[in-house]
Amino acid sequence: MMNGTKGDGGRPGDGDRLGDEDCPGEDHVDRLRRQWALELPDLDTEPMAILGRAFRLSNLVRPSIEATFADFGLDRGEFDVIATLRRSGPPYRLTPTDMYSALMISSGGLTHRLDRLEKAGLIRREKSPRDGRSVLVALTEAGAALAEKAFRTDMASEASFLQALDGKEREALAALLRKLIAGIENEQARGEDENGG
C-alpha cells in the first residue's frame, strides 16, 4: 500500500519515511536524493549532487544579492549593464552589440535596461566617432561611481557566504567549477559549430 506504516509490512507512512529523516551533516540535496532513492532505486541521481547543489546555491544567495543592488536603486539586470561598462575599462563605452553579447540577452531586453539607466543619468548614448550612424553606450561619471560602490558592497556580502570553507577549499572548489563550466561551454560551442550556429 502506498500509505503503509512501519508496522504493517508496507512502506513507511506520511511523515515517517526514511527519506525524510535528517542525518548529521547532510543538506537539502542529500534529502532529495535519499527520497528519490526510495522511489526510483534504479536511477543514478549523481547529477543532483553537483548541478542540484549549484541550483540550490543560486537560490539561496540570490535574494541577498538582489537586495544589495536594490539598496543602490538597481535591479540585477541594470547592475549587469553598468558593471559590464565599468569593467571594460576607459573610456567605458561599448556598442549595443558588444553589450548584449556579453550579457547574453536580446537586443530588445538591453534597450529597455538602457532606457531606464539613461533616464537615471547612469549611462548615455553617443554617436560613434568612427561612424555617425552607429551608437555607443557610455557610462557616466555617476554610473561609474555607482557600479563600483555596488560591486564592492556585493563582494563583501557574497564573501560572507563562503565562511564555511577555508582558503584551500575555496580554491579547490573554484578550480573544479571552472573545469566543469569550461567543459560545458566547449561542448555547447562545438554543437553550435556543427549546427552552423
N, C-alpha and C. Protein backbone atom coordinates (compact mmCIF):
# COMPACT_ATOMS: atom_id res chain seq x y z
N MET A 1 0.83 -1.19 0.00
CA MET A 1 0.00 0.00 0.00
C MET A 1 0.87 1.24 0.00
N MET A 2 0.40 2.27 -0.68
CA MET A 2 1.20 3.48 -0.78
C MET A 2 1.36 4.18 0.55
N ASN A 3 0.37 4.09 1.42
CA ASN A 3 0.41 4.81 2.68
C ASN A 3 0.58 3.87 3.87
N GLY A 4 1.31 2.80 3.67
CA GLY A 4 1.51 1.85 4.75
C GLY A 4 2.33 2.44 5.87
N THR A 5 2.31 1.88 7.03
CA THR A 5 3.11 2.31 8.17
C THR A 5 4.23 1.32 8.39
N LYS A 6 5.12 1.62 9.30
CA LYS A 6 6.26 0.74 9.54
C LYS A 6 5.83 -0.62 10.03
N GLY A 7 4.72 -0.67 10.75
CA GLY A 7 4.35 -1.93 11.37
C GLY A 7 3.47 -2.82 10.52
N ASP A 8 3.01 -2.37 9.35
CA ASP A 8 2.05 -3.20 8.62
C ASP A 8 2.69 -3.95 7.46
N GLY A 9 4.04 -3.87 7.38
CA GLY A 9 4.73 -4.60 6.33
C GLY A 9 4.78 -3.85 5.02
N GLY A 10 4.13 -2.65 4.96
CA GLY A 10 4.15 -1.83 3.75
C GLY A 10 5.24 -0.81 3.84
N ARG A 11 5.11 0.22 3.01
CA ARG A 11 6.10 1.30 3.03
C ARG A 11 5.81 2.24 4.17
N PRO A 12 6.82 2.99 4.66
CA PRO A 12 6.60 3.94 5.75
C PRO A 12 5.52 4.93 5.38
N GLY A 13 4.78 5.37 6.37
CA GLY A 13 3.68 6.30 6.14
C GLY A 13 4.14 7.73 6.04
N ASP A 14 3.18 8.63 5.81
CA ASP A 14 3.48 10.04 5.69
C ASP A 14 4.18 10.56 6.93
N GLY A 15 5.25 11.32 6.74
CA GLY A 15 5.97 11.90 7.87
C GLY A 15 6.85 10.90 8.59
N ASP A 16 6.87 9.65 8.10
CA ASP A 16 7.62 8.60 8.79
C ASP A 16 8.53 7.86 7.83
N ARG A 17 8.78 8.47 6.67
CA ARG A 17 9.61 7.82 5.67
C ARG A 17 11.08 7.99 5.99
N LEU A 18 11.84 6.96 5.69
CA LEU A 18 13.29 7.04 5.94
C LEU A 18 13.90 8.19 5.17
N GLY A 19 13.39 8.49 3.98
CA GLY A 19 13.95 9.55 3.17
C GLY A 19 13.73 10.93 3.74
N ASP A 20 12.83 11.06 4.72
CA ASP A 20 12.54 12.36 5.30
C ASP A 20 13.33 12.62 6.58
N GLU A 21 14.05 11.62 7.08
CA GLU A 21 14.79 11.78 8.33
C GLU A 21 16.10 12.51 8.07
N ASP A 22 16.42 13.45 8.94
CA ASP A 22 17.67 14.19 8.80
C ASP A 22 18.84 13.35 9.29
N CYS A 23 19.95 13.47 8.61
CA CYS A 23 21.19 12.83 9.02
C CYS A 23 22.21 13.92 9.28
N PRO A 24 23.08 13.73 10.28
CA PRO A 24 24.07 14.77 10.59
C PRO A 24 24.93 15.11 9.38
N GLY A 25 25.08 16.42 9.13
CA GLY A 25 25.96 16.87 8.07
C GLY A 25 25.36 16.88 6.68
N GLU A 26 24.12 16.43 6.53
CA GLU A 26 23.53 16.41 5.20
C GLU A 26 22.86 17.74 4.87
N ASP A 27 22.62 17.96 3.61
CA ASP A 27 21.95 19.18 3.18
C ASP A 27 20.66 18.85 2.45
N HIS A 28 20.02 19.86 1.90
CA HIS A 28 18.74 19.71 1.23
C HIS A 28 18.83 18.72 0.07
N VAL A 29 19.93 18.79 -0.69
CA VAL A 29 20.09 17.91 -1.84
C VAL A 29 20.24 16.46 -1.40
N ASP A 30 20.95 16.22 -0.31
CA ASP A 30 21.07 14.86 0.21
C ASP A 30 19.69 14.27 0.52
N ARG A 31 18.83 15.09 1.13
CA ARG A 31 17.49 14.62 1.48
C ARG A 31 16.68 14.29 0.23
N LEU A 32 16.80 15.15 -0.79
CA LEU A 32 16.08 14.88 -2.04
C LEU A 32 16.57 13.59 -2.69
N ARG A 33 17.86 13.39 -2.69
CA ARG A 33 18.42 12.18 -3.32
C ARG A 33 18.00 10.92 -2.57
N ARG A 34 17.95 10.99 -1.25
CA ARG A 34 17.51 9.82 -0.48
C ARG A 34 16.04 9.51 -0.75
N GLN A 35 15.23 10.55 -0.91
CA GLN A 35 13.83 10.33 -1.22
C GLN A 35 13.66 9.68 -2.60
N TRP A 36 14.43 10.18 -3.58
CA TRP A 36 14.36 9.58 -4.90
C TRP A 36 14.90 8.15 -4.90
N ALA A 37 15.87 7.87 -4.05
CA ALA A 37 16.41 6.51 -3.97
C ALA A 37 15.35 5.52 -3.52
N LEU A 38 14.42 6.00 -2.69
CA LEU A 38 13.31 5.14 -2.26
C LEU A 38 12.31 4.92 -3.39
N GLU A 39 12.05 6.00 -4.14
CA GLU A 39 11.04 5.93 -5.20
C GLU A 39 11.56 5.28 -6.48
N LEU A 40 12.81 5.62 -6.85
CA LEU A 40 13.39 5.11 -8.09
C LEU A 40 14.79 4.57 -7.81
N PRO A 41 14.88 3.43 -7.14
CA PRO A 41 16.19 2.92 -6.72
C PRO A 41 17.13 2.57 -7.86
N ASP A 42 16.60 2.43 -9.09
CA ASP A 42 17.45 2.09 -10.23
C ASP A 42 18.07 3.31 -10.88
N LEU A 43 17.64 4.53 -10.47
CA LEU A 43 18.09 5.75 -11.14
C LEU A 43 19.29 6.36 -10.42
N ASP A 44 20.33 6.69 -11.19
CA ASP A 44 21.52 7.34 -10.65
C ASP A 44 21.26 8.85 -10.57
N THR A 45 21.22 9.38 -9.36
CA THR A 45 20.95 10.82 -9.18
C THR A 45 22.23 11.61 -8.90
N GLU A 46 23.37 11.09 -9.32
CA GLU A 46 24.63 11.80 -9.09
C GLU A 46 24.62 13.22 -9.66
N PRO A 47 24.01 13.48 -10.84
CA PRO A 47 23.99 14.87 -11.32
C PRO A 47 23.39 15.85 -10.31
N MET A 48 22.42 15.40 -9.52
CA MET A 48 21.85 16.28 -8.49
C MET A 48 22.88 16.70 -7.46
N ALA A 49 23.85 15.81 -7.19
CA ALA A 49 24.86 16.10 -6.17
C ALA A 49 25.69 17.32 -6.55
N ILE A 50 25.80 17.59 -7.84
CA ILE A 50 26.60 18.73 -8.31
C ILE A 50 25.71 19.83 -8.86
N LEU A 51 24.95 19.52 -9.91
CA LEU A 51 24.13 20.55 -10.54
C LEU A 51 22.95 20.94 -9.65
N GLY A 52 22.42 20.00 -8.91
CA GLY A 52 21.34 20.33 -7.97
C GLY A 52 21.83 21.27 -6.89
N ARG A 53 23.05 21.06 -6.44
CA ARG A 53 23.61 21.96 -5.42
C ARG A 53 23.92 23.34 -6.01
N ALA A 54 24.36 23.37 -7.27
CA ALA A 54 24.61 24.67 -7.91
C ALA A 54 23.30 25.47 -7.99
N PHE A 55 22.22 24.79 -8.35
CA PHE A 55 20.92 25.45 -8.44
C PHE A 55 20.45 25.89 -7.06
N ARG A 56 20.63 25.02 -6.09
CA ARG A 56 20.24 25.34 -4.71
C ARG A 56 21.04 26.53 -4.18
N LEU A 57 22.33 26.54 -4.45
CA LEU A 57 23.19 27.64 -4.00
C LEU A 57 22.74 28.95 -4.61
N SER A 58 22.43 28.94 -5.90
CA SER A 58 21.96 30.14 -6.56
C SER A 58 20.68 30.66 -5.92
N ASN A 59 19.77 29.76 -5.61
CA ASN A 59 18.51 30.18 -4.98
C ASN A 59 18.72 30.74 -3.58
N LEU A 60 19.71 30.21 -2.86
CA LEU A 60 19.96 30.66 -1.50
C LEU A 60 20.56 32.07 -1.45
N VAL A 61 21.47 32.37 -2.38
CA VAL A 61 22.17 33.65 -2.30
C VAL A 61 21.51 34.75 -3.13
N ARG A 62 20.64 34.37 -4.08
CA ARG A 62 20.05 35.37 -4.97
C ARG A 62 19.31 36.48 -4.22
N PRO A 63 18.48 36.17 -3.21
CA PRO A 63 17.76 37.26 -2.53
C PRO A 63 18.68 38.30 -1.91
N SER A 64 19.81 37.86 -1.33
CA SER A 64 20.74 38.80 -0.72
C SER A 64 21.41 39.67 -1.79
N ILE A 65 21.78 39.07 -2.91
CA ILE A 65 22.42 39.82 -3.98
C ILE A 65 21.46 40.86 -4.55
N GLU A 66 20.23 40.44 -4.78
CA GLU A 66 19.25 41.37 -5.32
C GLU A 66 18.93 42.50 -4.35
N ALA A 67 18.93 42.17 -3.05
CA ALA A 67 18.68 43.20 -2.03
C ALA A 67 19.82 44.21 -2.00
N THR A 68 21.04 43.74 -2.19
CA THR A 68 22.20 44.65 -2.22
C THR A 68 22.05 45.65 -3.36
N PHE A 69 21.72 45.17 -4.55
CA PHE A 69 21.57 46.08 -5.69
C PHE A 69 20.38 47.01 -5.50
N ALA A 70 19.32 46.49 -4.89
CA ALA A 70 18.13 47.33 -4.65
C ALA A 70 18.48 48.50 -3.74
N ASP A 71 19.42 48.28 -2.81
CA ASP A 71 19.85 49.38 -1.93
C ASP A 71 20.47 50.53 -2.71
N PHE A 72 20.96 50.23 -3.92
CA PHE A 72 21.56 51.25 -4.78
C PHE A 72 20.60 51.69 -5.88
N GLY A 73 19.33 51.31 -5.76
CA GLY A 73 18.33 51.71 -6.73
C GLY A 73 18.41 50.95 -8.04
N LEU A 74 18.99 49.75 -8.01
CA LEU A 74 19.19 48.96 -9.22
C LEU A 74 18.55 47.59 -9.09
N ASP A 75 18.12 47.03 -10.23
CA ASP A 75 17.81 45.61 -10.21
C ASP A 75 19.03 44.88 -10.77
N ARG A 76 18.97 43.55 -10.75
CA ARG A 76 20.14 42.77 -11.15
C ARG A 76 20.54 43.06 -12.60
N GLY A 77 19.55 43.16 -13.49
CA GLY A 77 19.85 43.41 -14.89
C GLY A 77 20.49 44.77 -15.12
N GLU A 78 20.02 45.78 -14.39
CA GLU A 78 20.59 47.12 -14.53
C GLU A 78 22.02 47.15 -14.02
N PHE A 79 22.27 46.46 -12.90
CA PHE A 79 23.64 46.40 -12.41
C PHE A 79 24.55 45.72 -13.43
N ASP A 80 24.07 44.64 -14.04
CA ASP A 80 24.89 43.93 -15.02
C ASP A 80 25.32 44.86 -16.15
N VAL A 81 24.45 45.77 -16.56
CA VAL A 81 24.78 46.69 -17.65
C VAL A 81 25.89 47.64 -17.23
N ILE A 82 25.71 48.32 -16.11
CA ILE A 82 26.73 49.29 -15.72
C ILE A 82 28.02 48.61 -15.28
N ALA A 83 27.92 47.39 -14.74
CA ALA A 83 29.13 46.65 -14.37
C ALA A 83 29.91 46.23 -15.62
N THR A 84 29.20 45.83 -16.67
CA THR A 84 29.86 45.46 -17.92
C THR A 84 30.63 46.64 -18.50
N LEU A 85 30.01 47.82 -18.45
CA LEU A 85 30.69 49.02 -18.93
C LEU A 85 31.88 49.37 -18.04
N ARG A 86 31.70 49.27 -16.73
CA ARG A 86 32.75 49.66 -15.79
C ARG A 86 33.98 48.78 -15.92
N ARG A 87 33.79 47.49 -16.06
CA ARG A 87 34.95 46.59 -16.13
C ARG A 87 35.58 46.55 -17.52
N SER A 88 34.94 47.20 -18.51
CA SER A 88 35.52 47.24 -19.85
C SER A 88 36.72 48.18 -19.91
N GLY A 89 36.85 49.04 -18.91
CA GLY A 89 37.98 49.97 -18.87
C GLY A 89 37.70 51.25 -19.64
N PRO A 90 38.56 52.27 -19.42
CA PRO A 90 38.38 53.56 -20.11
C PRO A 90 38.31 53.35 -21.62
N PRO A 91 37.48 54.07 -22.32
CA PRO A 91 36.61 55.17 -21.86
C PRO A 91 35.23 54.70 -21.38
N TYR A 92 35.11 53.42 -21.03
CA TYR A 92 33.85 52.87 -20.51
C TYR A 92 32.71 53.04 -21.51
N ARG A 93 32.99 52.64 -22.75
CA ARG A 93 32.00 52.70 -23.81
C ARG A 93 32.01 51.39 -24.59
N LEU A 94 30.81 50.94 -24.98
CA LEU A 94 30.68 49.73 -25.78
C LEU A 94 29.54 49.91 -26.77
N THR A 95 29.60 49.13 -27.83
CA THR A 95 28.46 49.12 -28.75
C THR A 95 27.34 48.28 -28.13
N PRO A 96 26.10 48.55 -28.50
CA PRO A 96 25.00 47.71 -28.02
C PRO A 96 25.20 46.24 -28.36
N THR A 97 25.76 45.97 -29.55
CA THR A 97 26.00 44.58 -29.94
C THR A 97 26.97 43.89 -28.99
N ASP A 98 28.05 44.58 -28.64
CA ASP A 98 29.01 44.02 -27.69
C ASP A 98 28.33 43.77 -26.34
N MET A 99 27.44 44.65 -25.97
CA MET A 99 26.82 44.54 -24.66
C MET A 99 25.84 43.39 -24.58
N TYR A 100 24.95 43.25 -25.57
CA TYR A 100 24.00 42.15 -25.42
C TYR A 100 24.64 40.80 -25.68
N SER A 101 25.77 40.79 -26.37
CA SER A 101 26.53 39.54 -26.50
C SER A 101 27.16 39.17 -25.16
N ALA A 102 27.73 40.15 -24.47
CA ALA A 102 28.36 39.90 -23.17
C ALA A 102 27.33 39.53 -22.12
N LEU A 103 26.16 40.16 -22.19
CA LEU A 103 25.12 39.93 -21.19
C LEU A 103 24.22 38.75 -21.55
N MET A 104 24.34 38.25 -22.77
CA MET A 104 23.54 37.11 -23.24
C MET A 104 22.05 37.40 -23.11
N ILE A 105 21.65 38.58 -23.58
CA ILE A 105 20.24 38.94 -23.61
C ILE A 105 19.89 39.45 -25.00
N SER A 106 18.61 39.59 -25.28
CA SER A 106 18.19 40.08 -26.59
C SER A 106 18.44 41.58 -26.69
N SER A 107 18.48 42.06 -27.92
CA SER A 107 18.68 43.50 -28.12
C SER A 107 17.51 44.28 -27.53
N GLY A 108 16.30 43.71 -27.62
CA GLY A 108 15.14 44.38 -27.04
C GLY A 108 15.23 44.49 -25.52
N GLY A 109 15.70 43.41 -24.88
CA GLY A 109 15.87 43.44 -23.43
C GLY A 109 16.90 44.46 -23.00
N LEU A 110 17.98 44.58 -23.78
CA LEU A 110 19.00 45.57 -23.47
C LEU A 110 18.47 46.98 -23.64
N THR A 111 17.68 47.21 -24.68
CA THR A 111 17.15 48.55 -24.93
C THR A 111 16.33 49.04 -23.74
N HIS A 112 15.51 48.19 -23.17
CA HIS A 112 14.70 48.58 -22.02
C HIS A 112 15.57 48.95 -20.82
N ARG A 113 16.62 48.17 -20.61
CA ARG A 113 17.54 48.48 -19.50
C ARG A 113 18.25 49.81 -19.73
N LEU A 114 18.69 50.01 -20.96
CA LEU A 114 19.41 51.25 -21.27
C LEU A 114 18.49 52.46 -21.11
N ASP A 115 17.25 52.32 -21.48
CA ASP A 115 16.30 53.43 -21.33
C ASP A 115 16.18 53.84 -19.87
N ARG A 116 16.06 52.85 -18.98
CA ARG A 116 15.91 53.15 -17.56
C ARG A 116 17.19 53.77 -16.99
N LEU A 117 18.33 53.22 -17.39
CA LEU A 117 19.60 53.73 -16.88
C LEU A 117 19.91 55.12 -17.40
N GLU A 118 19.56 55.39 -18.65
CA GLU A 118 19.78 56.73 -19.20
C GLU A 118 18.90 57.74 -18.49
N LYS A 119 17.68 57.37 -18.22
CA LYS A 119 16.77 58.27 -17.50
C LYS A 119 17.30 58.58 -16.11
N ALA A 120 17.99 57.61 -15.51
CA ALA A 120 18.56 57.80 -14.18
C ALA A 120 19.90 58.53 -14.21
N GLY A 121 20.42 58.83 -15.40
CA GLY A 121 21.68 59.55 -15.52
C GLY A 121 22.91 58.69 -15.33
N LEU A 122 22.77 57.36 -15.47
CA LEU A 122 23.89 56.46 -15.23
C LEU A 122 24.62 56.07 -16.52
N ILE A 123 23.95 56.17 -17.65
CA ILE A 123 24.59 55.93 -18.95
C ILE A 123 24.09 57.00 -19.92
N ARG A 124 24.79 57.11 -21.03
CA ARG A 124 24.30 57.98 -22.10
C ARG A 124 24.62 57.30 -23.43
N ARG A 125 23.82 57.60 -24.42
CA ARG A 125 24.04 57.08 -25.76
C ARG A 125 24.77 58.16 -26.57
N GLU A 126 25.83 57.75 -27.26
CA GLU A 126 26.63 58.69 -28.03
C GLU A 126 26.78 58.18 -29.46
N LYS A 127 26.93 59.08 -30.39
CA LYS A 127 27.25 58.69 -31.76
C LYS A 127 28.69 58.23 -31.83
N SER A 128 28.92 57.18 -32.59
CA SER A 128 30.27 56.68 -32.74
C SER A 128 31.12 57.67 -33.52
N PRO A 129 32.33 57.98 -33.04
CA PRO A 129 33.19 58.92 -33.78
C PRO A 129 33.66 58.33 -35.11
N ARG A 130 33.60 57.02 -35.26
CA ARG A 130 34.02 56.37 -36.50
C ARG A 130 32.89 56.29 -37.52
N ASP A 131 31.68 56.18 -37.01
CA ASP A 131 30.52 56.03 -37.89
C ASP A 131 29.34 56.73 -37.24
N GLY A 132 28.97 57.86 -37.77
CA GLY A 132 27.92 58.66 -37.17
C GLY A 132 26.57 57.98 -37.13
N ARG A 133 26.42 56.91 -37.89
CA ARG A 133 25.15 56.19 -37.88
C ARG A 133 25.07 55.18 -36.74
N SER A 134 26.22 54.85 -36.16
CA SER A 134 26.27 53.88 -35.06
C SER A 134 26.20 54.58 -33.71
N VAL A 135 25.75 53.82 -32.71
CA VAL A 135 25.59 54.36 -31.36
C VAL A 135 26.50 53.61 -30.40
N LEU A 136 27.08 54.33 -29.49
CA LEU A 136 27.85 53.75 -28.40
C LEU A 136 27.12 54.01 -27.08
N VAL A 137 27.25 53.06 -26.16
CA VAL A 137 26.69 53.24 -24.82
C VAL A 137 27.85 53.59 -23.89
N ALA A 138 27.76 54.73 -23.25
CA ALA A 138 28.85 55.21 -22.39
C ALA A 138 28.36 55.32 -20.95
N LEU A 139 29.24 54.98 -20.04
CA LEU A 139 28.96 55.09 -18.62
C LEU A 139 29.23 56.54 -18.18
N THR A 140 28.29 57.14 -17.47
CA THR A 140 28.53 58.48 -16.96
C THR A 140 29.40 58.39 -15.71
N GLU A 141 29.86 59.53 -15.26
CA GLU A 141 30.67 59.55 -14.04
C GLU A 141 29.88 59.01 -12.86
N ALA A 142 28.61 59.39 -12.80
CA ALA A 142 27.76 58.88 -11.72
C ALA A 142 27.56 57.38 -11.84
N GLY A 143 27.40 56.90 -13.08
CA GLY A 143 27.23 55.47 -13.30
C GLY A 143 28.45 54.67 -12.92
N ALA A 144 29.64 55.21 -13.24
CA ALA A 144 30.88 54.52 -12.89
C ALA A 144 31.04 54.42 -11.38
N ALA A 145 30.74 55.50 -10.69
CA ALA A 145 30.86 55.52 -9.23
C ALA A 145 29.88 54.54 -8.60
N LEU A 146 28.65 54.52 -9.11
CA LEU A 146 27.64 53.63 -8.55
C LEU A 146 27.97 52.17 -8.81
N ALA A 147 28.45 51.87 -10.01
CA ALA A 147 28.82 50.50 -10.34
C ALA A 147 29.90 49.98 -9.40
N GLU A 148 30.91 50.80 -9.15
CA GLU A 148 32.00 50.38 -8.27
C GLU A 148 31.51 50.20 -6.84
N LYS A 149 30.73 51.14 -6.36
CA LYS A 149 30.26 51.06 -4.98
C LYS A 149 29.36 49.85 -4.78
N ALA A 150 28.45 49.61 -5.72
CA ALA A 150 27.55 48.47 -5.62
C ALA A 150 28.32 47.16 -5.69
N PHE A 151 29.33 47.09 -6.56
CA PHE A 151 30.11 45.86 -6.71
C PHE A 151 30.93 45.58 -5.46
N ARG A 152 31.55 46.60 -4.89
CA ARG A 152 32.32 46.40 -3.66
C ARG A 152 31.41 45.89 -2.53
N THR A 153 30.23 46.46 -2.43
CA THR A 153 29.29 46.03 -1.38
C THR A 153 28.84 44.59 -1.63
N ASP A 154 28.58 44.27 -2.89
CA ASP A 154 28.14 42.92 -3.24
C ASP A 154 29.22 41.89 -2.93
N MET A 155 30.47 42.20 -3.25
CA MET A 155 31.55 41.25 -2.98
C MET A 155 31.72 41.01 -1.48
N ALA A 156 31.56 42.05 -0.68
CA ALA A 156 31.65 41.88 0.77
C ALA A 156 30.52 40.99 1.27
N SER A 157 29.34 41.19 0.71
CA SER A 157 28.19 40.38 1.10
C SER A 157 28.37 38.93 0.68
N GLU A 158 28.80 38.71 -0.56
CA GLU A 158 28.97 37.34 -1.05
C GLU A 158 30.08 36.60 -0.30
N ALA A 159 31.10 37.33 0.12
CA ALA A 159 32.19 36.69 0.85
C ALA A 159 31.69 36.07 2.15
N SER A 160 30.64 36.65 2.72
CA SER A 160 30.12 36.12 3.98
C SER A 160 29.52 34.73 3.81
N PHE A 161 29.12 34.39 2.58
CA PHE A 161 28.55 33.06 2.33
C PHE A 161 29.61 31.98 2.24
N LEU A 162 30.88 32.37 2.15
CA LEU A 162 31.95 31.39 1.95
C LEU A 162 32.66 31.02 3.25
N GLN A 163 32.16 31.46 4.37
CA GLN A 163 32.85 31.27 5.64
C GLN A 163 32.99 29.80 6.05
N ALA A 164 32.13 28.93 5.50
CA ALA A 164 32.22 27.51 5.85
C ALA A 164 33.43 26.83 5.21
N LEU A 165 34.06 27.51 4.24
CA LEU A 165 35.21 26.94 3.54
C LEU A 165 36.48 27.70 3.87
N ASP A 166 37.59 26.97 4.06
CA ASP A 166 38.86 27.67 4.26
C ASP A 166 39.44 28.03 2.89
N GLY A 167 40.58 28.70 2.90
CA GLY A 167 41.16 29.20 1.66
C GLY A 167 41.44 28.12 0.64
N LYS A 168 42.02 26.99 1.08
CA LYS A 168 42.35 25.91 0.15
C LYS A 168 41.08 25.27 -0.41
N GLU A 169 40.06 25.14 0.42
CA GLU A 169 38.80 24.58 -0.05
C GLU A 169 38.15 25.48 -1.09
N ARG A 170 38.24 26.78 -0.89
CA ARG A 170 37.66 27.70 -1.86
C ARG A 170 38.39 27.60 -3.20
N GLU A 171 39.72 27.52 -3.14
CA GLU A 171 40.50 27.41 -4.38
C GLU A 171 40.17 26.11 -5.11
N ALA A 172 40.05 25.01 -4.35
CA ALA A 172 39.75 23.72 -4.96
C ALA A 172 38.37 23.72 -5.59
N LEU A 173 37.40 24.28 -4.88
CA LEU A 173 36.04 24.33 -5.41
C LEU A 173 35.98 25.21 -6.66
N ALA A 174 36.64 26.36 -6.61
CA ALA A 174 36.66 27.26 -7.77
C ALA A 174 37.29 26.56 -8.98
N ALA A 175 38.36 25.80 -8.75
CA ALA A 175 39.03 25.11 -9.85
C ALA A 175 38.12 24.05 -10.47
N LEU A 176 37.42 23.31 -9.64
CA LEU A 176 36.52 22.27 -10.16
C LEU A 176 35.34 22.88 -10.91
N LEU A 177 34.78 23.96 -10.38
CA LEU A 177 33.68 24.62 -11.08
C LEU A 177 34.14 25.19 -12.41
N ARG A 178 35.36 25.77 -12.42
CA ARG A 178 35.92 26.30 -13.67
C ARG A 178 36.04 25.19 -14.71
N LYS A 179 36.55 24.04 -14.29
CA LYS A 179 36.73 22.90 -15.20
C LYS A 179 35.38 22.42 -15.75
N LEU A 180 34.39 22.34 -14.88
CA LEU A 180 33.07 21.88 -15.29
C LEU A 180 32.43 22.86 -16.27
N ILE A 181 32.47 24.15 -15.93
CA ILE A 181 31.84 25.16 -16.77
C ILE A 181 32.54 25.24 -18.13
N ALA A 182 33.88 25.21 -18.12
CA ALA A 182 34.62 25.27 -19.38
C ALA A 182 34.27 24.07 -20.27
N GLY A 183 34.12 22.91 -19.66
CA GLY A 183 33.77 21.72 -20.43
C GLY A 183 32.39 21.84 -21.06
N ILE A 184 31.43 22.38 -20.30
CA ILE A 184 30.07 22.55 -20.83
C ILE A 184 30.06 23.60 -21.93
N GLU A 185 30.78 24.72 -21.70
CA GLU A 185 30.83 25.78 -22.71
C GLU A 185 31.46 25.27 -24.00
N ASN A 186 32.54 24.51 -23.88
CA ASN A 186 33.20 23.99 -25.07
C ASN A 186 32.30 23.01 -25.83
N GLU A 187 31.59 22.19 -25.08
CA GLU A 187 30.69 21.23 -25.72
C GLU A 187 29.55 21.94 -26.44
N GLN A 188 29.00 22.95 -25.82
CA GLN A 188 27.92 23.71 -26.47
C GLN A 188 28.43 24.46 -27.70
N ALA A 189 29.65 24.99 -27.62
CA ALA A 189 30.22 25.70 -28.77
C ALA A 189 30.42 24.74 -29.94
N ARG A 190 30.88 23.52 -29.65
CA ARG A 190 31.04 22.53 -30.71
C ARG A 190 29.70 22.19 -31.35
N GLY A 191 28.68 22.08 -30.51
CA GLY A 191 27.35 21.78 -31.03
C GLY A 191 26.84 22.88 -31.94
N GLU A 192 27.09 24.14 -31.56
CA GLU A 192 26.67 25.26 -32.38
C GLU A 192 27.41 25.27 -33.71
N ASP A 193 28.72 24.96 -33.67
CA ASP A 193 29.51 24.92 -34.90
C ASP A 193 29.00 23.83 -35.83
N GLU A 194 28.67 22.67 -35.26
CA GLU A 194 28.19 21.56 -36.08
C GLU A 194 26.83 21.86 -36.69
N ASN A 195 26.05 22.68 -35.99
CA ASN A 195 24.73 23.03 -36.49
C ASN A 195 24.72 24.30 -37.31
N GLY A 196 25.93 24.82 -37.59
CA GLY A 196 26.03 26.03 -38.40
C GLY A 196 25.68 27.28 -37.66
N GLY A 197 25.71 27.23 -36.28
CA GLY A 197 25.36 28.40 -35.49
C GLY A 197 26.54 29.30 -35.29
